[in-house]
PDB file of N, CA and C in Angstrom:
ATOM      1  N   MET A   1     142.399 109.051  71.422  1.00  0.00           N
ATOM      2  CA  MET A   1     143.627 108.615  71.842  1.00  0.00           C
ATOM      3  C   MET A   1     143.449 107.729  73.118  1.00  0.00           C
ATOM      4  N   MET A   2     142.533 108.004  73.600  1.00  0.00           N
ATOM      5  CA  MET A   2     142.425 107.040  74.682  1.00  0.00           C
ATOM      6  C   MET A   2     141.905 105.667  74.207  1.00  0.00           C
ATOM      7  N   LYS A   3     140.863 105.835  73.199  1.00  0.00           N
ATOM      8  CA  LYS A   3     140.251 104.351  72.471  1.00  0.00           C
ATOM      9  C   LYS A   3     141.629 103.760  72.048  1.00  0.00           C
ATOM     10  N   LYS A   4     142.598 103.968  71.181  1.00  0.00           N
ATOM     11  CA  LYS A   4     144.029 103.790  70.629  1.00  0.00           C
ATOM     12  C   LYS A   4     144.314 103.001  71.788  1.00  0.00           C
ATOM     13  N   PHE A   5     144.671 103.572  72.606  1.00  0.00           N
ATOM     14  CA  PHE A   5     145.648 103.410  73.661  1.00  0.00           C
ATOM     15  C   PHE A   5     144.827 102.007  74.309  1.00  0.00           C
ATOM     16  N   SER A   6     143.574 101.884  74.749  1.00  0.00           N
ATOM     17  CA  SER A   6     142.817 100.915  75.031  1.00  0.00           C
ATOM     18  C   SER A   6     142.881  99.450  74.201  1.00  0.00           C
ATOM     19  N   ILE A   7     142.696  99.879  72.879  1.00  0.00           N
ATOM     20  CA  ILE A   7     142.838  98.770  71.983  1.00  0.00           C
ATOM     21  C   ILE A   7     144.612  97.944  72.286  1.00  0.00           C
ATOM     22  N   ALA A   8     145.378  99.029  72.082  1.00  0.00           N
ATOM     23  CA  ALA A   8     146.558  98.607  71.972  1.00  0.00           C
ATOM     24  C   ALA A   8     146.836  97.768  73.226  1.00  0.00           C
ATOM     25  N   LEU A   9     146.306  98.279  74.083  1.00  0.00           N
ATOM     26  CA  LEU A   9     146.267  97.531  75.601  1.00  0.00           C
ATOM     27  C   LEU A   9     146.061  95.894  75.707  1.00  0.00           C
ATOM     28  N   MET A  10     144.285  96.068  74.677  1.00  0.00           N
ATOM     29  CA  MET A  10     143.881  94.561  74.960  1.00  0.00           C
ATOM     30  C   MET A  10     144.787  93.847  73.758  1.00  0.00           C
ATOM     31  N   ALA A  11     145.281  94.562  72.870  1.00  0.00           N
ATOM     32  CA  ALA A  11     145.859  93.624  71.919  1.00  0.00           C
ATOM     33  C   ALA A  11     147.315  93.222  72.708  1.00  0.00           C
ATOM     34  N   ALA A  12     148.050  93.773  73.346  1.00  0.00           N
ATOM     35  CA  ALA A  12     149.097  93.335  74.278  1.00  0.00           C
ATOM     36  C   ALA A  12     148.905  92.242  75.174  1.00  0.00           C
ATOM     37  N   ALA A  13     147.325  92.520  75.816  1.00  0.00           N
ATOM     38  CA  ALA A  13     147.230  91.198  76.990  1.00  0.00           C
ATOM     39  C   ALA A  13     147.239  90.174  76.227  1.00  0.00           C
ATOM     40  N   GLY A  14     146.293  90.034  75.142  1.00  0.00           N
ATOM     41  CA  GLY A  14     145.790  89.105  74.493  1.00  0.00           C
ATOM     42  C   GLY A  14     147.516  88.043  74.158  1.00  0.00           C
ATOM     43  N   LEU A  15     148.091  89.258  73.167  1.00  0.00           N
ATOM     44  CA  LEU A  15     149.314  88.306  73.298  1.00  0.00           C
ATOM     45  C   LEU A  15     150.023  87.859  74.154  1.00  0.00           C
ATOM     46  N   MET A  16     150.381  88.022  75.524  1.00  0.00           N
ATOM     47  CA  MET A  16     150.601  87.840  76.656  1.00  0.00           C
ATOM     48  C   MET A  16     149.882  86.537  76.953  1.00  0.00           C
ATOM     49  N   ILE A  17     148.413  86.646  76.866  1.00  0.00           N
ATOM     50  CA  ILE A  17     148.019  85.040  77.615  1.00  0.00           C
ATOM     51  C   ILE A  17     147.886  84.218  76.371  1.00  0.00           C
ATOM     52  N   SER A  18     148.533  84.673  74.829  1.00  0.00           N
ATOM     53  CA  SER A  18     148.824  83.552  74.061  1.00  0.00           C
ATOM     54  C   SER A  18     150.054  82.884  73.996  1.00  0.00           C
ATOM     55  N   ALA A  19     151.453  83.558  74.772  1.00  0.00           N
ATOM     56  CA  ALA A  19     152.243  83.392  74.657  1.00  0.00           C
ATOM     57  C   ALA A  19     152.640  82.329  75.973  1.00  0.00           C
ATOM     58  N   ASN A  20     151.445  82.779  77.193  1.00  0.00           N
ATOM     59  CA  ASN A  20     151.593  82.016  77.985  1.00  0.00           C
ATOM     60  C   ASN A  20     150.902  80.540  78.116  1.00  0.00           C
ATOM     61  N   ALA A  21     149.798  80.646  77.224  1.00  0.00           N
ATOM     62  CA  ALA A  21     149.335  79.144  76.517  1.00  0.00           C
ATOM     63  C   ALA A  21     150.426  78.406  75.840  1.00  0.00           C
ATOM     64  N   THR A  22     151.076  79.209  74.848  1.00  0.00           N
ATOM     65  CA  THR A  22     152.283  78.362  74.245  1.00  0.00           C
ATOM     66  C   THR A  22     153.042  77.833  75.293  1.00  0.00           C
ATOM     67  N   ALA A  23     153.502  78.580  76.199  1.00  0.00           N
ATOM     68  CA  ALA A  23     154.553  78.114  77.114  1.00  0.00           C
ATOM     69  C   ALA A  23     153.931  76.922  78.066  1.00  0.00           C
ATOM     70  N   ASP A  24     152.799  76.998  78.525  1.00  0.00           N
ATOM     71  CA  ASP A  24     152.452  76.043  79.220  1.00  0.00           C
ATOM     72  C   ASP A  24     151.950  74.694  78.252  1.00  0.00           C
ATOM     73  N   GLU A  25     151.615  74.728  76.885  1.00  0.00           N
ATOM     74  CA  GLU A  25     151.525  73.820  76.319  1.00  0.00           C
ATOM     75  C   GLU A  25     152.865  72.844  76.079  1.00  0.00           C
ATOM     76  N   ALA A  26     154.129  73.875  76.100  1.00  0.00           N
ATOM     77  CA  ALA A  26     155.063  73.368  75.579  1.00  0.00           C
ATOM     78  C   ALA A  26     155.730  72.591  77.093  1.00  0.00           C
ATOM     79  N   LEU A  27     155.224  73.126  78.184  1.00  0.00           N
ATOM     80  CA  LEU A  27     155.258  72.595  79.562  1.00  0.00           C
ATOM     81  C   LEU A  27     154.531  71.106  79.419  1.00  0.00           C
ATOM     82  N   ALA A  28     153.489  71.023  78.799  1.00  0.00           N
ATOM     83  CA  ALA A  28     152.695  69.910  78.856  1.00  0.00           C
ATOM     84  C   ALA A  28     153.398  69.027  78.005  1.00  0.00           C
ATOM     85  N   LYS A  29     154.111  69.197  76.998  1.00  0.00           N
ATOM     86  CA  LYS A  29     154.873  68.376  75.950  1.00  0.00           C
ATOM     87  C   LYS A  29     155.804  67.745  76.758  1.00  0.00           C
ATOM     88  N   ALA A  30     156.723  68.750  77.166  1.00  0.00           N
ATOM     89  CA  ALA A  30     157.800  68.387  78.090  1.00  0.00           C
ATOM     90  C   ALA A  30     158.029  67.576  79.255  1.00  0.00           C
ATOM     91  N   LYS A  31     156.738  67.273  79.747  1.00  0.00           N
ATOM     92  CA  LYS A  31     156.436  66.685  80.925  1.00  0.00           C
ATOM     93  C   LYS A  31     155.808  65.363  80.751  1.00  0.00           C
ATOM     94  N   ASN A  32     155.692  65.176  79.277  1.00  0.00           N
ATOM     95  CA  ASN A  32     155.073  63.831  78.417  1.00  0.00           C
ATOM     96  C   ASN A  32     153.490  63.975  78.741  1.00  0.00           C
ATOM     97  N   CYS A  33     152.465  65.096  79.100  1.00  0.00           N
ATOM     98  CA  CYS A  33     151.377  64.877  79.293  1.00  0.00           C
ATOM     99  C   CYS A  33     150.521  64.519  78.322  1.00  0.00           C
ATOM    100  N   PHE A  34     151.344  64.606  76.527  1.00  0.00           N
ATOM    101  CA  PHE A  34     150.501  63.965  75.457  1.00  0.00           C
ATOM    102  C   PHE A  34     150.809  62.746  75.409  1.00  0.00           C
ATOM    103  N   SER A  35     151.802  61.761  76.268  1.00  0.00           N
ATOM    104  CA  SER A  35     151.490  60.364  75.972  1.00  0.00           C
ATOM    105  C   SER A  35     150.476  59.950  75.988  1.00  0.00           C
ATOM    106  N   CYS A  36     149.268  60.629  76.830  1.00  0.00           N
ATOM    107  CA  CYS A  36     148.405  60.005  77.827  1.00  0.00           C
ATOM    108  C   CYS A  36     147.151  60.495  77.196  1.00  0.00           C
ATOM    109  N   HIS A  37     147.478  61.698  76.957  1.00  0.00           N
ATOM    110  CA  HIS A  37     146.309  62.950  76.504  1.00  0.00           C
ATOM    111  C   HIS A  37     146.169  63.598  75.377  1.00  0.00           C
ATOM    112  N   ASN A  38     145.221  64.185  74.988  1.00  0.00           N
ATOM    113  CA  ASN A  38     145.264  65.019  73.615  1.00  0.00           C
ATOM    114  C   ASN A  38     144.523  65.968  73.415  1.00  0.00           C
ATOM    115  N   VAL A  39     144.614  67.088  72.731  1.00  0.00           N
ATOM    116  CA  VAL A  39     143.785  68.553  73.390  1.00  0.00           C
ATOM    117  C   VAL A  39     142.280  67.682  72.872  1.00  0.00           C
ATOM    118  N   ASP A  40     141.841  67.162  71.788  1.00  0.00           N
ATOM    119  CA  ASP A  40     140.540  67.103  71.313  1.00  0.00           C
ATOM    120  C   ASP A  40     140.037  65.645  71.521  1.00  0.00           C
ATOM    121  N   LYS A  41     141.085  64.701  71.714  1.00  0.00           N
ATOM    122  CA  LYS A  41     140.327  63.089  71.465  1.00  0.00           C
ATOM    123  C   LYS A  41     140.833  62.403  72.756  1.00  0.00           C
ATOM    124  N   LYS A  42     140.246  61.426  73.551  1.00  0.00           N
ATOM    125  CA  LYS A  42     140.731  60.671  74.140  1.00  0.00           C
ATOM    126  C   LYS A  42     141.932  59.624  73.736  1.00  0.00           C
ATOM    127  N   VAL A  43     142.879  59.575  74.183  1.00  0.00           N
ATOM    128  CA  VAL A  43     144.018  58.917  74.133  1.00  0.00           C
ATOM    129  C   VAL A  43     144.060  57.392  75.146  1.00  0.00           C
ATOM    130  N   VAL A  44     144.557  57.471  75.959  1.00  0.00           N
ATOM    131  CA  VAL A  44     144.751  56.442  77.548  1.00  0.00           C
ATOM    132  C   VAL A  44     143.808  57.189  78.224  1.00  0.00           C
ATOM    133  N   GLY A  45     143.801  58.693  78.537  1.00  0.00           N
ATOM    134  CA  GLY A  45     142.857  59.389  79.499  1.00  0.00           C
ATOM    135  C   GLY A  45     142.168  60.282  78.566  1.00  0.00           C
ATOM    136  N   PRO A  46     141.364  61.253  79.383  1.00  0.00           N
ATOM    137  CA  PRO A  46     140.464  62.189  78.612  1.00  0.00           C
ATOM    138  C   PRO A  46     140.983  63.240  78.048  1.00  0.00           C
ATOM    139  N   SER A  47     140.571  63.795  77.447  1.00  0.00           N
ATOM    140  CA  SER A  47     140.764  64.496  76.119  1.00  0.00           C
ATOM    141  C   SER A  47     140.866  65.840  77.233  1.00  0.00           C
ATOM    142  N   TYR A  48     141.763  66.724  76.888  1.00  0.00           N
ATOM    143  CA  TYR A  48     141.850  68.158  77.714  1.00  0.00           C
ATOM    144  C   TYR A  48     140.492  68.973  77.385  1.00  0.00           C
ATOM    145  N   LYS A  49     140.283  68.942  76.712  1.00  0.00           N
ATOM    146  CA  LYS A  49     138.768  69.528  76.056  1.00  0.00           C
ATOM    147  C   LYS A  49     137.756  69.101  77.277  1.00  0.00           C
ATOM    148  N   ASP A  50     137.607  67.545  77.196  1.00  0.00           N
ATOM    149  CA  ASP A  50     136.422  66.869  77.911  1.00  0.00           C
ATOM    150  C   ASP A  50     137.021  67.361  79.495  1.00  0.00           C
ATOM    151  N   VAL A  51     138.172  66.902  79.829  1.00  0.00           N
ATOM    152  CA  VAL A  51     138.656  68.051  81.483  1.00  0.00           C
ATOM    153  C   VAL A  51     138.214  69.438  81.609  1.00  0.00           C
ATOM    154  N   ALA A  52     138.418  70.005  80.533  1.00  0.00           N
ATOM    155  CA  ALA A  52     137.942  71.552  81.039  1.00  0.00           C
ATOM    156  C   ALA A  52     136.843  71.792  81.072  1.00  0.00           C
ATOM    157  N   ALA A  53     135.678  70.656  79.966  1.00  0.00           N
ATOM    158  CA  ALA A  53     134.306  71.121  80.544  1.00  0.00           C
ATOM    159  C   ALA A  53     133.507  70.425  81.259  1.00  0.00           C
ATOM    160  N   LYS A  54     134.647  69.377  81.851  1.00  0.00           N
ATOM    161  CA  LYS A  54     134.036  68.957  83.066  1.00  0.00           C
ATOM    162  C   LYS A  54     133.953  69.857  84.709  1.00  0.00           C
ATOM    163  N   TYR A  55     135.386  70.119  84.145  1.00  0.00           N
ATOM    164  CA  TYR A  55     135.274  71.334  85.675  1.00  0.00           C
ATOM    165  C   TYR A  55     135.161  72.800  85.620  1.00  0.00           C
ATOM    166  N   LYS A  56     134.115  73.350  84.011  1.00  0.00           N
ATOM    167  CA  LYS A  56     133.833  74.391  84.022  1.00  0.00           C
ATOM    168  C   LYS A  56     133.139  75.056  85.053  1.00  0.00           C
ATOM    169  N   GLY A  57     133.377  76.230  85.683  1.00  0.00           N
ATOM    170  CA  GLY A  57     132.704  76.532  86.612  1.00  0.00           C
ATOM    171  C   GLY A  57     132.957  76.379  87.752  1.00  0.00           C
ATOM    172  N   ASP A  58     133.806  75.385  88.308  1.00  0.00           N
ATOM    173  CA  ASP A  58     134.173  74.848  89.511  1.00  0.00           C
ATOM    174  C   ASP A  58     135.053  75.815  89.945  1.00  0.00           C
ATOM    175  N   ALA A  59     135.287  76.524  90.994  1.00  0.00           N
ATOM    176  CA  ALA A  59     136.370  77.744  91.686  1.00  0.00           C
ATOM    177  C   ALA A  59     137.375  77.136  92.095  1.00  0.00           C
ATOM    178  N   LYS A  60     137.290  75.328  92.534  1.00  0.00           N
ATOM    179  CA  LYS A  60     138.513  74.889  93.022  1.00  0.00           C
ATOM    180  C   LYS A  60     139.289  73.914  91.910  1.00  0.00           C
ATOM    181  N   ALA A  61     138.526  73.892  90.542  1.00  0.00           N
ATOM    182  CA  ALA A  61     139.298  73.269  89.675  1.00  0.00           C
ATOM    183  C   ALA A  61     140.978  73.307  89.221  1.00  0.00           C
ATOM    184  N   VAL A  62     141.353  74.384  89.282  1.00  0.00           N
ATOM    185  CA  VAL A  62     142.505  74.409  89.619  1.00  0.00           C
ATOM    186  C   VAL A  62     143.424  73.817  90.562  1.00  0.00           C
ATOM    187  N   ASP A  63     143.186  73.889  91.966  1.00  0.00           N
ATOM    188  CA  ASP A  63     143.868  73.146  92.970  1.00  0.00           C
ATOM    189  C   ASP A  63     143.293  71.724  92.707  1.00  0.00           C
ATOM    190  N   THR A  64     141.905  71.222  92.418  1.00  0.00           N
ATOM    191  CA  THR A  64     141.955  70.145  92.382  1.00  0.00           C
ATOM    192  C   THR A  64     142.857  69.352  90.942  1.00  0.00           C
ATOM    193  N   LEU A  65     142.326  69.921  89.598  1.00  0.00           N
ATOM    194  CA  LEU A  65     143.651  69.205  88.943  1.00  0.00           C
ATOM    195  C   LEU A  65     145.388  69.190  89.052  1.00  0.00           C
ATOM    196  N   ALA A  66     145.778  70.311  89.958  1.00  0.00           N
ATOM    197  CA  ALA A  66     147.023  70.449  89.825  1.00  0.00           C
ATOM    198  C   ALA A  66     147.271  69.103  91.089  1.00  0.00           C
ATOM    199  N   GLY A  67     146.416  68.936  91.797  1.00  0.00           N
ATOM    200  CA  GLY A  67     146.708  67.984  92.858  1.00  0.00           C
ATOM    201  C   GLY A  67     146.617  66.741  91.968  1.00  0.00           C
ATOM    202  N   LYS A  68     146.245  66.157  91.305  1.00  0.00           N
ATOM    203  CA  LYS A  68     145.784  65.249  90.254  1.00  0.00           C
ATOM    204  C   LYS A  68     147.250  64.898  89.410  1.00  0.00           C
ATOM    205  N   ILE A  69     147.466  66.082  88.972  1.00  0.00           N
ATOM    206  CA  ILE A  69     148.489  65.849  88.180  1.00  0.00           C
ATOM    207  C   ILE A  69     149.862  65.724  88.903  1.00  0.00           C
ATOM    208  N   LYS A  70     150.278  66.089  90.083  1.00  0.00           N
ATOM    209  CA  LYS A  70     150.884  65.928  90.987  1.00  0.00           C
ATOM    210  C   LYS A  70     151.410  64.531  91.414  1.00  0.00           C
ATOM    211  N   SER A  71     149.846  63.984  92.401  1.00  0.00           N
ATOM    212  CA  SER A  71     149.858  62.900  92.918  1.00  0.00           C
ATOM    213  C   SER A  71     149.480  61.687  92.405  1.00  0.00           C
ATOM    214  N   GLY A  72     148.508  61.742  91.201  1.00  0.00           N
ATOM    215  CA  GLY A  72     148.014  61.052  90.416  1.00  0.00           C
ATOM    216  C   GLY A  72     146.663  60.691  90.811  1.00  0.00           C
ATOM    217  N   GLY A  73     146.089  59.652  90.054  1.00  0.00           N
ATOM    218  CA  GLY A  73     144.635  59.874  90.452  1.00  0.00           C
ATOM    219  C   GLY A  73     143.858  58.616  89.734  1.00  0.00           C
ATOM    220  N   LYS A  74     142.743  58.209  90.200  1.00  0.00           N
ATOM    221  CA  LYS A  74     142.146  57.098  89.760  1.00  0.00           C
ATOM    222  C   LYS A  74     140.625  57.152  89.726  1.00  0.00           C
ATOM    223  N   GLY A  75     139.787  56.500  89.127  1.00  0.00           N
ATOM    224  CA  GLY A  75     138.425  56.383  89.356  1.00  0.00           C
ATOM    225  C   GLY A  75     137.574  57.724  88.509  1.00  0.00           C
ATOM    226  N   VAL A  76     137.947  58.438  87.996  1.00  0.00           N
ATOM    227  CA  VAL A  76     137.396  59.763  87.670  1.00  0.00           C
ATOM    228  C   VAL A  76     137.051  59.544  86.377  1.00  0.00           C
ATOM    229  N   TRP A  77     138.072  59.064  85.491  1.00  0.00           N
ATOM    230  CA  TRP A  77     137.698  58.788  84.168  1.00  0.00           C
ATOM    231  C   TRP A  77     137.687  57.662  83.398  1.00  0.00           C
ATOM    232  N   GLY A  78     137.414  56.659  84.655  1.00  0.00           N
ATOM    233  CA  GLY A  78     137.368  55.053  84.248  1.00  0.00           C
ATOM    234  C   GLY A  78     138.763  54.376  85.286  1.00  0.00           C
ATOM    235  N   PRO A  79     138.799  53.053  84.788  1.00  0.00           N
ATOM    236  CA  PRO A  79     139.786  52.341  85.321  1.00  0.00           C
ATOM    237  C   PRO A  79     141.227  52.499  85.638  1.00  0.00           C
ATOM    238  N   ILE A  80     141.207  53.058  84.160  1.00  0.00           N
ATOM    239  CA  ILE A  80     143.046  53.243  84.520  1.00  0.00           C
ATOM    240  C   ILE A  80     143.470  54.302  85.070  1.00  0.00           C
ATOM    241  N   PRO A  81     144.410  54.300  85.845  1.00  0.00           N
ATOM    242  CA  PRO A  81     144.821  55.133  86.958  1.00  0.00           C
ATOM    243  C   PRO A  81     145.936  56.407  86.245  1.00  0.00           C
ATOM    244  N   MET A  82     145.811  57.596  86.796  1.00  0.00           N
ATOM    245  CA  MET A  82     146.745  58.340  86.072  1.00  0.00           C
ATOM    246  C   MET A  82     148.066  58.377  87.264  1.00  0.00           C
ATOM    247  N   PRO A  83     149.180  57.994  86.869  1.00  0.00           N
ATOM    248  CA  PRO A  83     150.347  58.174  87.398  1.00  0.00           C
ATOM    249  C   PRO A  83     150.660  59.282  88.253  1.00  0.00           C
ATOM    250  N   PRO A  84     151.554  59.558  89.281  1.00  0.00           N
ATOM    251  CA  PRO A  84     151.867  60.583  89.601  1.00  0.00           C
ATOM    252  C   PRO A  84     153.173  61.208  88.780  1.00  0.00           C
ATOM    253  N   ASN A  85     152.869  62.642  88.517  1.00  0.00           N
ATOM    254  CA  ASN A  85     153.548  63.173  87.575  1.00  0.00           C
ATOM    255  C   ASN A  85     154.808  63.742  88.512  1.00  0.00           C
ATOM    256  N   ASN A  86     156.152  64.128  87.577  1.00  0.00           N
ATOM    257  CA  ASN A  86     157.183  64.689  88.193  1.00  0.00           C
ATOM    258  C   ASN A  86     157.257  65.966  87.681  1.00  0.00           C
ATOM    259  N   VAL A  87     156.476  66.948  88.687  1.00  0.00           N
ATOM    260  CA  VAL A  87     156.022  68.359  88.442  1.00  0.00           C
ATOM    261  C   VAL A  87     156.520  69.084  89.700  1.00  0.00           C
ATOM    262  N   THR A  88     156.648  70.463  89.796  1.00  0.00           N
ATOM    263  CA  THR A  88     156.692  71.152  91.138  1.00  0.00           C
ATOM    264  C   THR A  88     155.352  71.296  91.170  1.00  0.00           C
ATOM    265  N   PRO A  89     154.820  71.926  92.426  1.00  0.00           N
ATOM    266  CA  PRO A  89     153.602  72.489  92.737  1.00  0.00           C
ATOM    267  C   PRO A  89     153.045  73.479  91.389  1.00  0.00           C
ATOM    268  N   GLU A  90     154.098  74.363  91.521  1.00  0.00           N
ATOM    269  CA  GLU A  90     154.031  75.751  90.491  1.00  0.00           C
ATOM    270  C   GLU A  90     153.567  75.106  89.005  1.00  0.00           C
ATOM    271  N   GLU A  91     154.587  73.981  88.585  1.00  0.00           N
ATOM    272  CA  GLU A  91     154.185  73.189  87.449  1.00  0.00           C
ATOM    273  C   GLU A  91     152.815  72.910  87.298  1.00  0.00           C
ATOM    274  N   ALA A  92     152.633  72.282  88.201  1.00  0.00           N
ATOM    275  CA  ALA A  92     151.238  71.549  87.977  1.00  0.00           C
ATOM    276  C   ALA A  92     149.829  72.480  88.449  1.00  0.00           C
ATOM    277  N   LYS A  93     149.955  73.860  88.992  1.00  0.00           N
ATOM    278  CA  LYS A  93     149.235  74.431  88.735  1.00  0.00           C
ATOM    279  C   LYS A  93     149.147  75.019  87.127  1.00  0.00           C
ATOM    280  N   LYS A  94     150.225  75.651  86.575  1.00  0.00           N
ATOM    281  CA  LYS A  94     150.152  75.995  85.532  1.00  0.00           C
ATOM    282  C   LYS A  94     149.574  74.968  84.549  1.00  0.00           C
ATOM    283  N   LEU A  95     149.966  73.838  84.386  1.00  0.00           N
ATOM    284  CA  LEU A  95     149.654  72.648  83.666  1.00  0.00           C
ATOM    285  C   LEU A  95     147.967  72.852  84.102  1.00  0.00           C
ATOM    286  N   ALA A  96     147.279  72.891  85.105  1.00  0.00           N
ATOM    287  CA  ALA A  96     145.956  72.680  85.342  1.00  0.00           C
ATOM    288  C   ALA A  96     145.259  74.105  84.688  1.00  0.00           C
ATOM    289  N   ALA A  97     145.673  75.192  85.272  1.00  0.00           N
ATOM    290  CA  ALA A  97     145.134  76.395  84.407  1.00  0.00           C
ATOM    291  C   ALA A  97     145.117  76.517  82.702  1.00  0.00           C
ATOM    292  N   TRP A  98     146.149  75.663  82.314  1.00  0.00           N
ATOM    293  CA  TRP A  98     146.487  75.607  81.061  1.00  0.00           C
ATOM    294  C   TRP A  98     144.868  74.757  80.007  1.00  0.00           C
ATOM    295  N   VAL A  99     145.177  73.792  81.083  1.00  0.00           N
ATOM    296  CA  VAL A  99     143.977  72.468  80.677  1.00  0.00           C
ATOM    297  C   VAL A  99     142.608  73.329  80.817  1.00  0.00           C
ATOM    298  N   LEU A 100     142.567  73.757  81.807  1.00  0.00           N
ATOM    299  CA  LEU A 100     141.256  74.407  81.812  1.00  0.00           C
ATOM    300  C   LEU A 100     140.702  75.339  81.132  1.00  0.00           C
ATOM    301  N   SER A 101     142.190  76.101  80.376  1.00  0.00           N
ATOM    302  CA  SER A 101     141.361  76.934  79.374  1.00  0.00           C
ATOM    303  C   SER A 101     141.270  76.428  77.933  1.00  0.00           C
ATOM    304  N   ILE A 102     141.477  75.432  77.840  1.00  0.00           N
ATOM    305  CA  ILE A 102     141.006  74.662  76.514  1.00  0.00           C
ATOM    306  C   ILE A 102     139.278  75.026  76.181  1.00  0.00           C
ATOM    307  N   LYS A 103     139.276  75.108  75.040  1.00  0.00           N
ATOM    308  CA  LYS A 103     137.567  75.140  74.550  1.00  0.00           C
ATOM    309  C   LYS A 103     137.474  74.234  73.606  1.00  0.00           C
TER     310      LYS A 103
END
């Protein structure tokens, strides 16, 4: 009985994570992030997979990327600057966490 409960709980957690990932991807689309980025290929800016790989294991990555999303940045991925985005600090953190979750 406990094993069935554990399996059900893990499945529910997986669905919640998947739903959050889908919602955060929708946020990225709503904020026009896909105008300059793509999941697996460089457009104007780096792919999300490349960003996730670069910051893998960095404990400060969510805050670092959230700051770049909110305020813009330049020089990390080449000469083209990333403009500031019209997002709240909470949205910036959600977007950063979503990008970092991409494998």
